[in-house]
């Protein structure tokens, strides 16, 4: 694969702790905003809803909204802007705490159709 770093970034967004319908609502227009911040095309973002359950002291718990961003790392300014964007959008659809975690991917550990970057 002969792609530049910007051409090979495939940010994966995993969201849990919020209902599926609200995740769909959250993603409206989000790819374009994220693409501007991350400097990559909007259609490179994938969003995944993960059904989950939270517990505390042996009882069901509402938990929090947990958003994981798996990507080839960007600078702290981009992370700060993306975290603020997710928090702002999340607070419009839930009163839960919105937690964002960035998980950097390594090029030699990321494979597409059996070939790493």
Protein backbone atom coordinates (compact mmCIF):
# COMPACT_ATOMS: atom_id res chain seq x y z
CA UNK A 1 0.00 0.00 0.00
CA UNK A 2 1.46 3.31 -1.03
CA UNK A 3 -0.66 5.72 0.93
CA UNK A 4 0.45 8.80 2.83
CA UNK A 5 -0.30 8.93 6.56
CA UNK A 6 -3.36 11.11 6.01
CA UNK A 7 -4.68 8.75 3.30
CA UNK A 8 -4.53 5.68 5.48
CA UNK A 9 -6.23 6.88 8.62
CA UNK A 10 -9.42 4.98 9.36
CA UNK A 11 -10.80 6.32 12.65
CA UNK A 12 -13.10 3.82 14.36
CA UNK A 13 -15.51 5.21 16.93
CA UNK A 14 -17.02 2.79 19.47
CA UNK A 15 -19.89 4.06 21.59
CA UNK A 16 -21.54 2.36 24.54
CA UNK A 17 -23.67 3.34 27.50
CA UNK A 18 -26.30 5.01 25.37
CA UNK A 19 -29.25 3.64 23.43
CA UNK A 20 -28.77 2.67 19.77
CA UNK A 21 -31.27 5.28 18.55
CA UNK A 22 -29.39 8.02 20.41
CA UNK A 23 -26.09 6.88 18.88
CA UNK A 24 -27.67 7.18 15.44
CA UNK A 25 -28.83 10.68 16.36
CA UNK A 26 -25.37 11.56 17.68
CA UNK A 27 -23.72 10.65 14.36
CA UNK A 28 -25.81 13.02 12.23
CA UNK A 29 -23.29 15.35 10.57
CA UNK A 30 -20.56 14.16 12.93
CA UNK A 31 -18.28 12.63 10.28
CA UNK A 32 -17.86 15.96 8.51
CA UNK A 33 -17.00 17.77 11.74
CA UNK A 34 -14.57 15.05 12.83
CA UNK A 35 -12.99 14.93 9.38
CA UNK A 36 -12.27 18.64 9.50
CA UNK A 37 -10.56 18.34 12.88
CA UNK A 38 -8.69 15.09 12.07
CA UNK A 39 -7.82 16.24 8.53
CA UNK A 40 -9.24 13.22 6.76
CA UNK A 41 -12.31 12.52 4.60
CA UNK A 42 -15.60 12.13 6.43
CA UNK A 43 -16.30 8.75 4.87
CA UNK A 44 -13.26 7.23 6.59
CA UNK A 45 -15.01 7.29 9.98
CA UNK A 46 -16.87 4.23 11.20
CA UNK A 47 -19.26 4.29 14.14
CA UNK A 48 -20.10 1.26 16.20
CA UNK A 49 -22.75 0.95 18.89
CA UNK A 50 -21.87 -1.55 21.61
CA UNK A 51 -24.72 -2.89 23.72
CA UNK A 52 -23.52 -3.09 27.31
CA UNK A 53 -24.58 -3.34 30.92
CA UNK A 54 -23.14 -1.53 33.92
CA UNK A 55 -23.19 -2.76 37.52
CA UNK A 56 -22.34 -1.35 40.91
CA UNK A 57 -22.32 -3.29 44.16
CA UNK A 58 -24.29 -6.18 42.70
CA UNK A 59 -26.97 -3.98 41.17
CA UNK A 60 -27.72 -2.60 37.73
CA UNK A 61 -26.24 0.85 37.19
CA UNK A 62 -26.87 3.45 34.49
CA UNK A 63 -23.16 3.87 33.95
CA UNK A 64 -21.83 6.51 31.62
CA UNK A 65 -21.46 7.18 27.93
CA UNK A 66 -18.12 5.72 26.88
CA UNK A 67 -16.63 6.70 23.52
CA UNK A 68 -13.44 5.11 22.22
CA UNK A 69 -11.59 6.67 19.29
CA UNK A 70 -9.21 4.19 17.63
CA UNK A 71 -6.95 5.99 15.14
CA UNK A 72 -3.47 6.82 14.02
CA UNK A 73 -2.71 9.42 16.67
CA UNK A 74 -3.08 13.17 16.20
CA UNK A 75 -1.77 16.01 18.32
CA UNK A 76 -3.29 17.10 21.62
CA UNK A 77 -5.12 20.00 19.97
CA UNK A 78 -7.04 17.60 17.70
CA UNK A 79 -7.79 15.28 20.65
CA UNK A 80 -9.02 18.23 22.73
CA UNK A 81 -11.29 19.46 19.92
CA UNK A 82 -12.72 16.00 19.27
CA UNK A 83 -13.29 15.36 22.98
CA UNK A 84 -15.09 18.71 23.26
CA UNK A 85 -17.21 17.92 20.18
CA UNK A 86 -18.25 14.50 21.52
CA UNK A 87 -19.02 16.00 24.93
CA UNK A 88 -21.10 18.82 23.45
CA UNK A 89 -23.09 16.47 21.19
CA UNK A 90 -23.44 13.86 23.92
CA UNK A 91 -24.82 16.34 26.45
CA UNK A 92 -27.56 17.27 23.96
CA UNK A 93 -28.96 13.72 24.06
CA UNK A 94 -28.15 12.46 27.56
CA UNK A 95 -27.49 13.71 31.06
CA UNK A 96 -24.92 10.97 31.71
CA UNK A 97 -21.20 11.60 32.07
CA UNK A 98 -19.53 11.46 28.64
CA UNK A 99 -16.09 9.83 28.70
CA UNK A 100 -13.84 9.84 25.63
CA UNK A 101 -10.74 7.63 25.36
CA UNK A 102 -8.28 7.85 22.48
CA UNK A 103 -6.57 4.60 21.53
CA UNK A 104 -3.63 5.15 19.17
CA UNK A 105 -3.08 2.51 16.51
CA UNK A 106 0.36 1.52 15.22
CA UNK A 107 0.78 1.25 11.49
CA UNK A 108 2.57 -2.11 11.66
CA UNK A 109 -0.25 -3.50 13.85
CA UNK A 110 -3.10 -2.35 11.58
CA UNK A 111 -3.98 -4.62 8.66
CA UNK A 112 -6.36 -4.10 5.79
CA UNK A 113 -7.05 -7.17 3.65
CA UNK A 114 -4.01 -8.88 5.17
CA UNK A 115 -1.56 -6.02 4.53
CA UNK A 116 -0.31 -3.66 7.25
CA UNK A 117 0.33 0.00 6.69
